[in-house]
Every structure is written in structure tokens, then in C-alpha cells.
Amino acid sequence: VGSLLMVGYDFLLEIPAERLNMWHWFD
């Protein structure tokens, strides 16, 4: 449960992270 919650958090974070210059994907 804890691991799945963390993955869900990351899923929601990915789009904002790119726009906020946190990290970027080469693809």
C-alpha cells in the first residue's frame, strides 16, 4: 500500500515537475 501510494504521488507530480524545472525527460 505504501509503495503504491508513492507511485501515485509521482504520477501526479510528473507534469508539474517538468514545467517547474525540477527534472526533465529526454523523451
PDB file of all heavy atoms in Angstrom:
ATOM      1  N   VAL A   1       0.826  -1.204   0.000  1.00  0.00           N
ATOM      2  CA  VAL A   1       0.000   0.000   0.000  1.00  0.00           C
ATOM      3  C   VAL A   1       0.861   1.255   0.000  1.00  0.00           C
ATOM      4  O   VAL A   1       0.628   2.193  -0.778  1.00  0.00           O
ATOM      5  CB  VAL A   1      -0.946   0.006   1.222  1.00  0.00           C
ATOM      6  CG1 VAL A   1      -1.660   1.352   1.353  1.00  0.00           C
ATOM      7  CG2 VAL A   1      -1.965  -1.115   1.112  1.00  0.00           C
ATOM      8  N   GLY A   2       1.875   1.282   0.860  1.00  0.00           N
ATOM      9  CA  GLY A   2       2.750   2.447   0.925  1.00  0.00           C
ATOM     10  C   GLY A   2       3.467   2.706  -0.383  1.00  0.00           C
ATOM     11  O   GLY A   2       3.566   3.852  -0.848  1.00  0.00           O
ATOM     12  N   SER A   3       3.952   1.644  -1.023  1.00  0.00           N
ATOM     13  CA  SER A   3       4.666   1.784  -2.296  1.00  0.00           C
ATOM     14  C   SER A   3       3.743   2.285  -3.401  1.00  0.00           C
ATOM     15  O   SER A   3       4.119   3.150  -4.206  1.00  0.00           O
ATOM     16  CB  SER A   3       5.288   0.442  -2.704  1.00  0.00           C
ATOM     17  OG  SER A   3       6.173  -0.022  -1.708  1.00  0.00           O
ATOM     18  N   LEU A   4       2.521   1.759  -3.454  1.00  0.00           N
ATOM     19  CA  LEU A   4       1.564   2.197  -4.474  1.00  0.00           C
ATOM     20  C   LEU A   4       1.170   3.658  -4.269  1.00  0.00           C
ATOM     21  O   LEU A   4       0.982   4.403  -5.245  1.00  0.00           O
ATOM     22  CB  LEU A   4       0.329   1.305  -4.448  1.00  0.00           C
ATOM     23  CG  LEU A   4       0.536  -0.126  -4.972  1.00  0.00           C
ATOM     24  CD1 LEU A   4      -0.729  -0.955  -4.770  1.00  0.00           C
ATOM     25  CD2 LEU A   4       0.929  -0.115  -6.448  1.00  0.00           C
ATOM     26  N   LEU A   5       1.049   4.078  -3.019  1.00  0.00           N
ATOM     27  CA  LEU A   5       0.753   5.489  -2.747  1.00  0.00           C
ATOM     28  C   LEU A   5       1.875   6.392  -3.251  1.00  0.00           C
ATOM     29  O   LEU A   5       1.616   7.470  -3.807  1.00  0.00           O
ATOM     30  CB  LEU A   5       0.552   5.704  -1.241  1.00  0.00           C
ATOM     31  CG  LEU A   5      -0.754   5.184  -0.646  1.00  0.00           C
ATOM     32  CD1 LEU A   5      -0.720   5.296   0.881  1.00  0.00           C
ATOM     33  CD2 LEU A   5      -1.951   5.937  -1.205  1.00  0.00           C
ATOM     34  N   MET A   6       3.110   5.952  -3.096  1.00  0.00           N
ATOM     35  CA  MET A   6       4.245   6.732  -3.573  1.00  0.00           C
ATOM     36  C   MET A   6       4.263   6.831  -5.094  1.00  0.00           C
ATOM     37  O   MET A   6       4.557   7.881  -5.666  1.00  0.00           O
ATOM     38  CB  MET A   6       5.557   6.144  -3.042  1.00  0.00           C
ATOM     39  CG  MET A   6       5.743   6.353  -1.547  1.00  0.00           C
ATOM     40  SD  MET A   6       7.218   5.555  -0.865  1.00  0.00           S
ATOM     41  CE  MET A   6       8.530   6.564  -1.588  1.00  0.00           C
ATOM     42  N   VAL A   7       3.928   5.729  -5.762  1.00  0.00           N
ATOM     43  CA  VAL A   7       3.880   5.743  -7.230  1.00  0.00           C
ATOM     44  C   VAL A   7       2.759   6.670  -7.707  1.00  0.00           C
ATOM     45  O   VAL A   7       2.926   7.420  -8.679  1.00  0.00           O
ATOM     46  CB  VAL A   7       3.681   4.320  -7.778  1.00  0.00           C
ATOM     47  CG1 VAL A   7       3.458   4.358  -9.297  1.00  0.00           C
ATOM     48  CG2 VAL A   7       4.898   3.454  -7.470  1.00  0.00           C
ATOM     49  N   GLY A   8       1.616   6.620  -7.020  1.00  0.00           N
ATOM     50  CA  GLY A   8       0.520   7.513  -7.375  1.00  0.00           C
ATOM     51  C   GLY A   8       0.899   8.981  -7.218  1.00  0.00           C
ATOM     52  O   GLY A   8       0.548   9.825  -8.049  1.00  0.00           O
ATOM     53  N   TYR A   9       1.630   9.269  -6.154  1.00  0.00           N
ATOM     54  CA  TYR A   9       2.116  10.630  -5.924  1.00  0.00           C
ATOM     55  C   TYR A   9       3.027  11.071  -7.071  1.00  0.00           C
ATOM     56  O   TYR A   9       2.887  12.172  -7.612  1.00  0.00           O
ATOM     57  CB  TYR A   9       2.869  10.663  -4.597  1.00  0.00           C
ATOM     58  CG  TYR A   9       3.413  12.011  -4.193  1.00  0.00           C
ATOM     59  CD1 TYR A   9       2.684  12.840  -3.338  1.00  0.00           C
ATOM     60  CD2 TYR A   9       4.656  12.449  -4.627  1.00  0.00           C
ATOM     61  CE1 TYR A   9       3.183  14.073  -2.950  1.00  0.00           C
ATOM     62  CE2 TYR A   9       5.159  13.683  -4.246  1.00  0.00           C
ATOM     63  CZ  TYR A   9       4.420  14.484  -3.405  1.00  0.00           C
ATOM     64  OH  TYR A   9       4.914  15.714  -3.024  1.00  0.00           O
ATOM     65  N   ASP A  10       3.953  10.199  -7.452  1.00  0.00           N
ATOM     66  CA  ASP A  10       4.870  10.527  -8.548  1.00  0.00           C
ATOM     67  C   ASP A  10       4.117  10.737  -9.854  1.00  0.00           C
ATOM     68  O   ASP A  10       4.456  11.627 -10.638  1.00  0.00           O
ATOM     69  CB  ASP A  10       5.913   9.421  -8.719  1.00  0.00           C
ATOM     70  CG  ASP A  10       6.842   9.691  -9.891  1.00  0.00           C
ATOM     71  OD1 ASP A  10       7.548  10.712  -9.860  1.00  0.00           O
ATOM     72  OD2 ASP A  10       6.858   8.879 -10.839  1.00  0.00           O
ATOM     73  N   PHE A  11       3.086   9.939 -10.094  1.00  0.00           N
ATOM     74  CA  PHE A  11       2.299  10.065 -11.325  1.00  0.00           C
ATOM     75  C   PHE A  11       1.702  11.467 -11.441  1.00  0.00           C
ATOM     76  O   PHE A  11       1.734  12.085 -12.508  1.00  0.00           O
ATOM     77  CB  PHE A  11       1.188   9.012 -11.332  1.00  0.00           C
ATOM     78  CG  PHE A  11       0.323   9.060 -12.562  1.00  0.00           C
ATOM     79  CD1 PHE A  11       0.745   8.486 -13.754  1.00  0.00           C
ATOM     80  CD2 PHE A  11      -0.913   9.692 -12.525  1.00  0.00           C
ATOM     81  CE1 PHE A  11      -0.052   8.544 -14.885  1.00  0.00           C
ATOM     82  CE2 PHE A  11      -1.709   9.750 -13.645  1.00  0.00           C
ATOM     83  CZ  PHE A  11      -1.280   9.168 -14.839  1.00  0.00           C
ATOM     84  N   LEU A  12       1.164  11.977 -10.336  1.00  0.00           N
ATOM     85  CA  LEU A  12       0.564  13.311 -10.355  1.00  0.00           C
ATOM     86  C   LEU A  12       1.616  14.415 -10.408  1.00  0.00           C
ATOM     87  O   LEU A  12       1.330  15.524 -10.875  1.00  0.00           O
ATOM     88  CB  LEU A  12      -0.318  13.509  -9.115  1.00  0.00           C
ATOM     89  CG  LEU A  12      -1.590  12.665  -9.055  1.00  0.00           C
ATOM     90  CD1 LEU A  12      -2.319  12.908  -7.736  1.00  0.00           C
ATOM     91  CD2 LEU A  12      -2.508  12.974 -10.231  1.00  0.00           C
ATOM     92  N   LEU A  13       2.806  14.125  -9.952  1.00  0.00           N
ATOM     93  CA  LEU A  13       3.866  15.128  -9.886  1.00  0.00           C
ATOM     94  C   LEU A  13       4.585  15.326 -11.217  1.00  0.00           C
ATOM     95  O   LEU A  13       5.158  16.401 -11.455  1.00  0.00           O
ATOM     96  CB  LEU A  13       4.883  14.726  -8.809  1.00  0.00           C
ATOM     97  CG  LEU A  13       6.121  15.606  -8.608  1.00  0.00           C
ATOM     98  CD1 LEU A  13       5.730  17.041  -8.268  1.00  0.00           C
ATOM     99  CD2 LEU A  13       7.002  15.031  -7.514  1.00  0.00           C
ATOM    100  N   GLU A  14       4.556  14.333 -12.104  1.00  0.00           N
ATOM    101  CA  GLU A  14       5.425  14.350 -13.279  1.00  0.00           C
ATOM    102  C   GLU A  14       5.207  15.560 -14.185  1.00  0.00           C
ATOM    103  O   GLU A  14       6.171  16.195 -14.621  1.00  0.00           O
ATOM    104  CB  GLU A  14       5.262  13.058 -14.083  1.00  0.00           C
ATOM    105  CG  GLU A  14       5.916  11.845 -13.444  1.00  0.00           C
ATOM    106  CD  GLU A  14       7.429  11.980 -13.310  1.00  0.00           C
ATOM    107  OE1 GLU A  14       8.036  12.818 -14.013  1.00  0.00           O
ATOM    108  OE2 GLU A  14       8.008  11.247 -12.496  1.00  0.00           O
ATOM    109  N   ILE A  15       3.973  15.901 -14.480  1.00  0.00           N
ATOM    110  CA  ILE A  15       3.726  17.045 -15.373  1.00  0.00           C
ATOM    111  C   ILE A  15       4.161  18.359 -14.726  1.00  0.00           C
ATOM    112  O   ILE A  15       4.893  19.147 -15.347  1.00  0.00           O
ATOM    113  CB  ILE A  15       2.242  17.100 -15.799  1.00  0.00           C
ATOM    114  CG1 ILE A  15       1.913  15.899 -16.684  1.00  0.00           C
ATOM    115  CG2 ILE A  15       1.939  18.412 -16.542  1.00  0.00           C
ATOM    116  CD1 ILE A  15       0.448  15.819 -17.098  1.00  0.00           C
ATOM    117  N   PRO A  16       3.762  18.637 -13.475  1.00  0.00           N
ATOM    118  CA  PRO A  16       4.249  19.869 -12.836  1.00  0.00           C
ATOM    119  C   PRO A  16       5.771  19.911 -12.714  1.00  0.00           C
ATOM    120  O   PRO A  16       6.374  20.988 -12.848  1.00  0.00           O
ATOM    121  CB  PRO A  16       3.584  19.846 -11.458  1.00  0.00           C
ATOM    122  CG  PRO A  16       2.351  19.028 -11.651  1.00  0.00           C
ATOM    123  CD  PRO A  16       2.744  17.970 -12.646  1.00  0.00           C
ATOM    124  N   ALA A  17       6.398  18.770 -12.435  1.00  0.00           N
ATOM    125  CA  ALA A  17       7.855  18.743 -12.248  1.00  0.00           C
ATOM    126  C   ALA A  17       8.584  19.252 -13.489  1.00  0.00           C
ATOM    127  O   ALA A  17       9.573  19.993 -13.389  1.00  0.00           O
ATOM    128  CB  ALA A  17       8.312  17.325 -11.916  1.00  0.00           C
ATOM    129  N   GLU A  18       8.096  18.883 -14.647  1.00  0.00           N
ATOM    130  CA  GLU A  18       8.702  19.333 -15.901  1.00  0.00           C
ATOM    131  C   GLU A  18       8.564  20.843 -16.048  1.00  0.00           C
ATOM    132  O   GLU A  18       9.539  21.542 -16.346  1.00  0.00           O
ATOM    133  CB  GLU A  18       8.012  18.630 -17.073  1.00  0.00           C
ATOM    134  CG  GLU A  18       8.475  19.086 -18.434  1.00  0.00           C
ATOM    135  CD  GLU A  18       9.756  18.423 -18.889  1.00  0.00           C
ATOM    136  OE1 GLU A  18      10.092  17.356 -18.353  1.00  0.00           O
ATOM    137  OE2 GLU A  18      10.415  18.982 -19.792  1.00  0.00           O
ATOM    138  N   ARG A  19       7.369  21.360 -15.799  1.00  0.00           N
ATOM    139  CA  ARG A  19       7.118  22.787 -16.000  1.00  0.00           C
ATOM    140  C   ARG A  19       7.778  23.644 -14.929  1.00  0.00           C
ATOM    141  O   ARG A  19       8.082  24.821 -15.158  1.00  0.00           O
ATOM    142  CB  ARG A  19       5.605  23.051 -16.014  1.00  0.00           C
ATOM    143  CG  ARG A  19       4.847  22.304 -17.105  1.00  0.00           C
ATOM    144  CD  ARG A  19       5.173  22.801 -18.495  1.00  0.00           C
ATOM    145  NE  ARG A  19       4.719  24.140 -18.736  1.00  0.00           N
ATOM    146  CZ  ARG A  19       3.490  24.451 -19.187  1.00  0.00           C
ATOM    147  NH1 ARG A  19       2.614  23.489 -19.437  1.00  0.00           N
ATOM    148  NH2 ARG A  19       3.148  25.692 -19.407  1.00  0.00           N
ATOM    149  N   LEU A  20       8.012  23.070 -13.743  1.00  0.00           N
ATOM    150  CA  LEU A  20       8.637  23.815 -12.659  1.00  0.00           C
ATOM    151  C   LEU A  20      10.152  23.646 -12.625  1.00  0.00           C
ATOM    152  O   LEU A  20      10.812  24.049 -11.668  1.00  0.00           O
ATOM    153  CB  LEU A  20       8.041  23.382 -11.313  1.00  0.00           C
ATOM    154  CG  LEU A  20       6.525  23.561 -11.148  1.00  0.00           C
ATOM    155  CD1 LEU A  20       6.080  23.135  -9.758  1.00  0.00           C
ATOM    156  CD2 LEU A  20       6.127  24.994 -11.416  1.00  0.00           C
ATOM    157  N   ASN A  21      10.695  23.047 -13.674  1.00  0.00           N
ATOM    158  CA  ASN A  21      12.148  22.861 -13.818  1.00  0.00           C
ATOM    159  C   ASN A  21      12.748  22.027 -12.688  1.00  0.00           C
ATOM    160  O   ASN A  21      13.877  22.267 -12.240  1.00  0.00           O
ATOM    161  CB  ASN A  21      12.847  24.224 -13.883  1.00  0.00           C
ATOM    162  CG  ASN A  21      14.284  24.106 -14.407  1.00  0.00           C
ATOM    163  OD1 ASN A  21      14.598  23.196 -15.185  1.00  0.00           O
ATOM    164  ND2 ASN A  21      15.157  24.992 -13.973  1.00  0.00           N
ATOM    165  N   MET A  22      11.981  21.037 -12.208  1.00  0.00           N
ATOM    166  CA  MET A  22      12.520  20.115 -11.214  1.00  0.00           C
ATOM    167  C   MET A  22      13.364  19.049 -11.904  1.00  0.00           C
ATOM    168  O   MET A  22      14.517  18.824 -11.561  1.00  0.00           O
ATOM    169  CB  MET A  22      11.394  19.467 -10.419  1.00  0.00           C
ATOM    170  CG  MET A  22      10.637  20.427  -9.518  1.00  0.00           C
ATOM    171  SD  MET A  22       9.339  19.580  -8.579  1.00  0.00           S
ATOM    172  CE  MET A  22       8.654  20.946  -7.655  1.00  0.00           C
ATOM    173  N   TRP A  23      12.759  18.365 -12.879  1.00  0.00           N
ATOM    174  CA  TRP A  23      13.501  17.410 -13.705  1.00  0.00           C
ATOM    175  C   TRP A  23      12.856  17.331 -15.076  1.00  0.00           C
ATOM    176  O   TRP A  23      11.716  17.741 -15.281  1.00  0.00           O
ATOM    177  CB  TRP A  23      13.591  16.033 -13.057  1.00  0.00           C
ATOM    178  CG  TRP A  23      12.275  15.377 -12.744  1.00  0.00           C
ATOM    179  CD1 TRP A  23      11.459  14.692 -13.602  1.00  0.00           C
ATOM    180  CD2 TRP A  23      11.636  15.327 -11.467  1.00  0.00           C
ATOM    181  NE1 TRP A  23      10.349  14.233 -12.945  1.00  0.00           N
ATOM    182  CE2 TRP A  23      10.430  14.599 -11.629  1.00  0.00           C
ATOM    183  CE3 TRP A  23      11.965  15.816 -10.194  1.00  0.00           C
ATOM    184  CZ2 TRP A  23       9.557  14.359 -10.567  1.00  0.00           C
ATOM    185  CZ3 TRP A  23      11.091  15.580  -9.144  1.00  0.00           C
ATOM    186  CH2 TRP A  23       9.907  14.853  -9.330  1.00  0.00           C
ATOM    187  N   HIS A  24      13.615  16.807 -16.027  1.00  0.00           N
ATOM    188  CA  HIS A  24      13.167  16.757 -17.417  1.00  0.00           C
ATOM    189  C   HIS A  24      13.489  15.387 -18.017  1.00  0.00           C
ATOM    190  O   HIS A  24      14.519  14.789 -17.699  1.00  0.00           O
ATOM    191  CB  HIS A  24      13.852  17.849 -18.244  1.00  0.00           C
ATOM    192  CG  HIS A  24      13.681  19.230 -17.689  1.00  0.00           C
ATOM    193  ND1 HIS A  24      12.582  20.019 -17.965  1.00  0.00           N
ATOM    194  CD2 HIS A  24      14.462  19.951 -16.837  1.00  0.00           C
ATOM    195  CE1 HIS A  24      12.700  21.169 -17.335  1.00  0.00           C
ATOM    196  NE2 HIS A  24      13.832  21.157 -16.636  1.00  0.00           N
ATOM    197  N   TRP A  25      12.608  14.923 -18.894  1.00  0.00           N
ATOM    198  CA  TRP A  25      12.787  13.639 -19.572  1.00  0.00           C
ATOM    199  C   TRP A  25      13.292  13.876 -20.987  1.00  0.00           C
ATOM    200  O   TRP A  25      12.766  14.726 -21.709  1.00  0.00           O
ATOM    201  CB  TRP A  25      11.471  12.870 -19.603  1.00  0.00           C
ATOM    202  CG  TRP A  25      10.996  12.511 -18.232  1.00  0.00           C
ATOM    203  CD1 TRP A  25      10.151  13.224 -17.433  1.00  0.00           C
ATOM    204  CD2 TRP A  25      11.400  11.370 -17.470  1.00  0.00           C
ATOM    205  NE1 TRP A  25       9.989  12.604 -16.220  1.00  0.00           N
ATOM    206  CE2 TRP A  25      10.734  11.457 -16.218  1.00  0.00           C
ATOM    207  CE3 TRP A  25      12.232  10.274 -17.718  1.00  0.00           C
ATOM    208  CZ2 TRP A  25      10.896  10.498 -15.217  1.00  0.00           C
ATOM    209  CZ3 TRP A  25      12.392   9.324 -16.738  1.00  0.00           C
ATOM    210  CH2 TRP A  25      11.732   9.426 -15.510  1.00  0.00           C
ATOM    211  N   PHE A  26      14.301  13.123 -21.386  1.00  0.00           N
ATOM    212  CA  PHE A  26      14.836  13.286 -22.735  1.00  0.00           C
ATOM    213  C   PHE A  26      13.797  12.945 -23.795  1.00  0.00           C
ATOM    214  O   PHE A  26      13.820  13.485 -24.899  1.00  0.00           O
ATOM    215  CB  PHE A  26      16.085  12.408 -22.918  1.00  0.00           C
ATOM    216  CG  PHE A  26      17.294  12.935 -22.189  1.00  0.00           C
ATOM    217  CD1 PHE A  26      17.763  12.304 -21.054  1.00  0.00           C
ATOM    218  CD2 PHE A  26      17.955  14.064 -22.636  1.00  0.00           C
ATOM    219  CE1 PHE A  26      18.876  12.784 -20.375  1.00  0.00           C
ATOM    220  CE2 PHE A  26      19.080  14.562 -21.967  1.00  0.00           C
ATOM    221  CZ  PHE A  26      19.537  13.914 -20.829  1.00  0.00           C
ATOM    222  N   ASP A  27      12.885  12.044 -23.470  1.00  0.00           N
ATOM    223  CA  ASP A  27      11.817  11.679 -24.408  1.00  0.00           C
ATOM    224  C   ASP A  27      10.585  12.561 -24.269  1.00  0.00           C
ATOM    225  O   ASP A  27       9.575  12.333 -24.933  1.00  0.00           O
ATOM    226  CB  ASP A  27      11.406  10.213 -24.198  1.00  0.00           C
ATOM    227  CG  ASP A  27      12.517   9.245 -24.598  1.00  0.00           C
ATOM    228  OD1 ASP A  27      13.337   9.633 -25.452  1.00  0.00           O
ATOM    229  OD2 ASP A  27      12.555   8.132 -24.054  1.00  0.00           O
TER     230      ASP A  27
END
